[in-house]
N, C-alpha and C. Protein backbone atom coordinates (compact mmCIF):
# COMPACT_ATOMS: atom_id res chain seq x y z
N MET A 1 -1.47 185.32 93.43
CA MET A 1 -2.79 185.88 93.71
C MET A 1 -2.62 187.26 94.36
N LEU A 2 -3.40 188.21 93.87
CA LEU A 2 -3.35 189.57 94.39
C LEU A 2 -4.73 189.99 94.84
N ASN A 3 -4.80 190.60 96.02
CA ASN A 3 -6.04 191.13 96.51
C ASN A 3 -5.94 192.65 96.50
N ILE A 4 -6.92 193.30 95.88
CA ILE A 4 -6.91 194.76 95.78
C ILE A 4 -8.13 195.29 96.53
N GLU A 5 -7.88 196.14 97.51
CA GLU A 5 -8.97 196.71 98.28
C GLU A 5 -8.91 198.23 98.16
N LYS A 6 -10.00 198.82 97.67
CA LYS A 6 -9.99 200.26 97.46
C LYS A 6 -10.87 200.97 98.50
N LYS A 7 -10.35 202.09 99.02
CA LYS A 7 -11.14 202.93 99.91
C LYS A 7 -11.04 204.36 99.41
N GLY A 8 -12.17 204.90 98.98
CA GLY A 8 -12.18 206.27 98.49
C GLY A 8 -12.68 207.22 99.56
N ASN A 9 -12.11 208.42 99.57
CA ASN A 9 -12.54 209.44 100.51
C ASN A 9 -12.44 210.76 99.77
N GLY A 10 -13.50 211.12 99.04
CA GLY A 10 -13.47 212.31 98.21
C GLY A 10 -12.39 212.16 97.14
N PRO A 11 -11.49 213.15 97.05
CA PRO A 11 -10.45 213.10 96.02
C PRO A 11 -9.27 212.20 96.40
N GLU A 12 -9.36 211.55 97.58
CA GLU A 12 -8.28 210.68 98.02
C GLU A 12 -8.68 209.22 97.87
N LEU A 13 -7.77 208.43 97.30
CA LEU A 13 -8.03 207.01 97.12
C LEU A 13 -6.89 206.21 97.72
N THR A 14 -7.25 205.22 98.55
CA THR A 14 -6.24 204.32 99.09
C THR A 14 -6.48 202.94 98.47
N VAL A 15 -5.42 202.38 97.93
CA VAL A 15 -5.49 201.05 97.34
C VAL A 15 -4.58 200.14 98.16
N ALA A 16 -5.18 199.19 98.87
CA ALA A 16 -4.41 198.26 99.69
C ALA A 16 -4.18 196.98 98.90
N LEU A 17 -2.92 196.58 98.81
CA LEU A 17 -2.56 195.38 98.06
C LEU A 17 -2.10 194.29 99.00
N SER A 18 -2.55 193.07 98.76
CA SER A 18 -2.02 191.94 99.51
C SER A 18 -1.81 190.77 98.57
N GLY A 19 -0.77 190.00 98.85
CA GLY A 19 -0.42 188.87 98.00
C GLY A 19 0.77 189.19 97.12
N ARG A 20 0.67 188.80 95.85
CA ARG A 20 1.80 188.95 94.92
C ARG A 20 1.41 189.85 93.75
N LEU A 21 2.24 190.85 93.49
CA LEU A 21 2.05 191.71 92.34
C LEU A 21 3.10 191.31 91.31
N ASP A 22 2.66 190.49 90.34
CA ASP A 22 3.61 189.95 89.35
C ASP A 22 3.00 190.01 87.95
N THR A 23 3.63 189.34 87.01
CA THR A 23 3.18 189.38 85.61
C THR A 23 1.72 188.98 85.46
N THR A 24 1.27 188.04 86.28
CA THR A 24 -0.10 187.56 86.19
C THR A 24 -1.10 188.58 86.74
N THR A 25 -0.73 189.25 87.84
CA THR A 25 -1.69 190.11 88.53
C THR A 25 -1.54 191.60 88.21
N ALA A 26 -0.40 191.99 87.63
CA ALA A 26 -0.17 193.41 87.32
C ALA A 26 -1.25 194.02 86.40
N PRO A 27 -1.68 193.30 85.33
CA PRO A 27 -2.71 193.88 84.47
C PRO A 27 -4.02 194.16 85.22
N GLU A 28 -4.32 193.32 86.21
CA GLU A 28 -5.51 193.48 87.04
C GLU A 28 -5.43 194.81 87.82
N LEU A 29 -4.27 195.07 88.43
CA LEU A 29 -4.08 196.30 89.18
C LEU A 29 -4.12 197.50 88.23
N GLU A 30 -3.48 197.36 87.08
CA GLU A 30 -3.45 198.44 86.11
C GLU A 30 -4.86 198.84 85.68
N ALA A 31 -5.69 197.84 85.38
CA ALA A 31 -7.08 198.09 84.96
C ALA A 31 -7.86 198.75 86.10
N GLU A 32 -7.67 198.24 87.30
CA GLU A 32 -8.33 198.75 88.49
C GLU A 32 -7.99 200.22 88.72
N LEU A 33 -6.71 200.56 88.59
CA LEU A 33 -6.27 201.94 88.78
C LEU A 33 -6.82 202.85 87.68
N LYS A 34 -6.75 202.38 86.43
CA LYS A 34 -7.21 203.19 85.29
C LYS A 34 -8.66 203.64 85.49
N GLU A 35 -9.49 202.71 85.98
CA GLU A 35 -10.91 203.06 86.11
C GLU A 35 -11.20 203.82 87.40
N SER A 36 -10.23 203.89 88.31
CA SER A 36 -10.48 204.50 89.61
C SER A 36 -9.90 205.89 89.79
N LEU A 37 -9.04 206.32 88.87
CA LEU A 37 -8.28 207.54 89.12
C LEU A 37 -8.96 208.84 88.68
N ASP A 38 -10.15 208.74 88.08
CA ASP A 38 -10.86 209.95 87.68
C ASP A 38 -11.19 210.83 88.88
N GLY A 39 -10.72 212.05 88.86
CA GLY A 39 -11.03 212.98 89.95
C GLY A 39 -10.22 212.76 91.21
N VAL A 40 -9.30 211.80 91.19
CA VAL A 40 -8.47 211.52 92.36
C VAL A 40 -7.23 212.43 92.32
N THR A 41 -6.97 213.14 93.42
CA THR A 41 -5.78 214.00 93.47
C THR A 41 -4.72 213.44 94.42
N ALA A 42 -5.13 212.49 95.26
CA ALA A 42 -4.17 211.86 96.17
C ALA A 42 -4.37 210.35 96.15
N LEU A 43 -3.35 209.64 95.68
CA LEU A 43 -3.42 208.18 95.61
C LEU A 43 -2.43 207.60 96.60
N ASN A 44 -2.92 206.75 97.49
CA ASN A 44 -2.06 206.05 98.45
C ASN A 44 -2.09 204.57 98.12
N ILE A 45 -0.94 203.98 97.96
CA ILE A 45 -0.88 202.54 97.72
C ILE A 45 -0.30 201.90 98.96
N ASP A 46 -1.14 201.12 99.63
CA ASP A 46 -0.78 200.50 100.90
C ASP A 46 -0.23 199.10 100.63
N MET A 47 1.04 198.89 100.99
CA MET A 47 1.70 197.61 100.70
C MET A 47 1.98 196.79 101.94
N ALA A 48 1.26 197.05 103.01
CA ALA A 48 1.51 196.35 104.27
C ALA A 48 1.47 194.83 104.09
N ALA A 49 0.54 194.35 103.25
CA ALA A 49 0.37 192.91 103.11
C ALA A 49 0.88 192.37 101.77
N LEU A 50 1.67 193.19 101.07
CA LEU A 50 2.21 192.73 99.79
C LEU A 50 3.44 191.87 100.04
N GLU A 51 3.46 190.66 99.46
CA GLU A 51 4.56 189.72 99.71
C GLU A 51 5.66 189.82 98.66
N TYR A 52 5.26 190.21 97.44
CA TYR A 52 6.21 190.15 96.33
C TYR A 52 5.80 191.14 95.25
N ILE A 53 6.78 191.76 94.61
CA ILE A 53 6.50 192.62 93.46
C ILE A 53 7.53 192.32 92.38
N SER A 54 7.05 192.13 91.15
CA SER A 54 7.96 191.85 90.03
C SER A 54 8.14 193.11 89.20
N SER A 55 8.93 193.01 88.13
CA SER A 55 9.13 194.16 87.26
C SER A 55 7.82 194.62 86.63
N ALA A 56 6.91 193.68 86.39
CA ALA A 56 5.60 194.04 85.83
C ALA A 56 4.83 194.90 86.83
N GLY A 57 4.94 194.56 88.10
CA GLY A 57 4.29 195.33 89.16
C GLY A 57 4.90 196.71 89.29
N LEU A 58 6.23 196.76 89.18
CA LEU A 58 6.94 198.05 89.25
C LEU A 58 6.50 198.95 88.10
N ARG A 59 6.30 198.35 86.94
CA ARG A 59 5.88 199.12 85.76
C ARG A 59 4.51 199.77 86.00
N VAL A 60 3.60 199.01 86.62
CA VAL A 60 2.26 199.54 86.91
C VAL A 60 2.37 200.72 87.90
N LEU A 61 3.24 200.57 88.90
CA LEU A 61 3.45 201.66 89.86
C LEU A 61 3.99 202.91 89.16
N LEU A 62 4.92 202.69 88.24
CA LEU A 62 5.52 203.79 87.52
C LEU A 62 4.49 204.53 86.67
N SER A 63 3.63 203.78 85.98
CA SER A 63 2.63 204.45 85.15
C SER A 63 1.59 205.17 86.01
N ALA A 64 1.25 204.59 87.17
CA ALA A 64 0.32 205.26 88.09
C ALA A 64 0.95 206.55 88.60
N GLN A 65 2.24 206.49 88.90
CA GLN A 65 2.98 207.66 89.38
C GLN A 65 2.95 208.78 88.32
N LYS A 66 3.16 208.40 87.05
CA LYS A 66 3.14 209.39 85.97
C LYS A 66 1.78 210.06 85.85
N ILE A 67 0.72 209.25 85.94
CA ILE A 67 -0.64 209.80 85.86
C ILE A 67 -0.88 210.74 87.04
N MET A 68 -0.51 210.29 88.23
CA MET A 68 -0.80 211.08 89.43
C MET A 68 0.05 212.35 89.53
N ASN A 69 1.21 212.36 88.89
CA ASN A 69 2.04 213.57 88.87
C ASN A 69 1.28 214.73 88.21
N LYS A 70 0.40 214.39 87.27
CA LYS A 70 -0.38 215.41 86.56
C LYS A 70 -1.61 215.84 87.36
N HIS A 71 -2.09 214.98 88.25
CA HIS A 71 -3.36 215.24 88.93
C HIS A 71 -3.23 215.51 90.42
N GLY A 72 -2.04 215.41 90.95
CA GLY A 72 -1.87 215.56 92.39
C GLY A 72 -0.63 214.82 92.82
N GLY A 73 -0.82 213.74 93.56
CA GLY A 73 0.35 212.99 94.00
C GLY A 73 0.02 211.56 94.36
N MET A 74 1.08 210.78 94.48
CA MET A 74 0.93 209.37 94.85
C MET A 74 1.95 209.04 95.93
N LYS A 75 1.50 208.31 96.93
CA LYS A 75 2.38 207.85 98.01
C LYS A 75 2.28 206.34 98.13
N VAL A 76 3.40 205.71 98.43
CA VAL A 76 3.41 204.28 98.72
C VAL A 76 3.63 204.18 100.23
N VAL A 77 2.70 203.53 100.91
CA VAL A 77 2.77 203.48 102.37
C VAL A 77 2.87 202.05 102.90
N HIS A 78 3.36 201.93 104.13
CA HIS A 78 3.49 200.65 104.84
C HIS A 78 4.27 199.61 104.05
N VAL A 79 5.41 200.03 103.50
CA VAL A 79 6.22 199.11 102.71
C VAL A 79 7.04 198.22 103.64
N ASN A 80 6.94 196.91 103.46
CA ASN A 80 7.71 196.00 104.32
C ASN A 80 9.15 195.87 103.80
N GLU A 81 9.98 195.20 104.57
CA GLU A 81 11.41 195.08 104.25
C GLU A 81 11.68 194.44 102.90
N THR A 82 10.95 193.37 102.61
CA THR A 82 11.15 192.63 101.36
C THR A 82 10.92 193.54 100.16
N ILE A 83 9.80 194.23 100.17
CA ILE A 83 9.44 195.11 99.05
C ILE A 83 10.39 196.31 99.00
N MET A 84 10.74 196.84 100.16
CA MET A 84 11.64 198.00 100.23
C MET A 84 12.99 197.66 99.59
N GLU A 85 13.44 196.43 99.84
CA GLU A 85 14.71 195.97 99.28
C GLU A 85 14.64 195.99 97.75
N ILE A 86 13.51 195.53 97.21
CA ILE A 86 13.32 195.53 95.75
C ILE A 86 13.32 196.97 95.24
N PHE A 87 12.63 197.87 95.96
CA PHE A 87 12.60 199.28 95.57
C PHE A 87 14.00 199.87 95.55
N GLU A 88 14.81 199.51 96.54
CA GLU A 88 16.16 200.07 96.64
C GLU A 88 17.06 199.53 95.53
N VAL A 89 16.99 198.23 95.29
CA VAL A 89 17.82 197.61 94.26
C VAL A 89 17.48 198.16 92.86
N THR A 90 16.19 198.43 92.63
CA THR A 90 15.76 198.88 91.31
C THR A 90 15.82 200.40 91.14
N GLY A 91 16.10 201.10 92.24
CA GLY A 91 16.13 202.56 92.17
C GLY A 91 14.75 203.21 92.34
N PHE A 92 13.75 202.37 92.55
CA PHE A 92 12.39 202.90 92.72
C PHE A 92 12.23 203.69 94.02
N SER A 93 13.13 203.44 94.97
CA SER A 93 13.05 204.19 96.23
C SER A 93 13.34 205.68 95.98
N ASP A 94 14.01 205.98 94.87
CA ASP A 94 14.28 207.38 94.51
C ASP A 94 13.16 207.99 93.69
N ILE A 95 12.38 207.15 93.03
CA ILE A 95 11.32 207.63 92.14
C ILE A 95 10.02 207.82 92.89
N LEU A 96 9.70 206.87 93.76
CA LEU A 96 8.42 206.88 94.46
C LEU A 96 8.50 207.67 95.77
N THR A 97 7.36 208.19 96.20
CA THR A 97 7.27 208.80 97.52
C THR A 97 6.84 207.69 98.47
N ILE A 98 7.75 207.29 99.34
CA ILE A 98 7.49 206.16 100.24
C ILE A 98 7.43 206.65 101.68
N GLU A 99 6.35 206.30 102.36
CA GLU A 99 6.20 206.72 103.76
C GLU A 99 5.99 205.53 104.66
């Protein structure tokens, strides 16, 4: 189960994720991002409450990153140890801007 909470502030959008981002929930996040990114120049993905991310979730992050590279930027914030470990093992810690 994944909970997606969006907070917009002009051209800045923060998407807070909690629960599990996996094969079941990744399409939900992808759809949510696709419809929300119009006019957004700064995307923050808050992972403070994210428990798990699978390769499907990583793929969604990668495609969001590609979109945002053209329109501004994307940051991943409040990454916990578990998720950070996955980012490091997969090399995503080099691809994503993590704060």
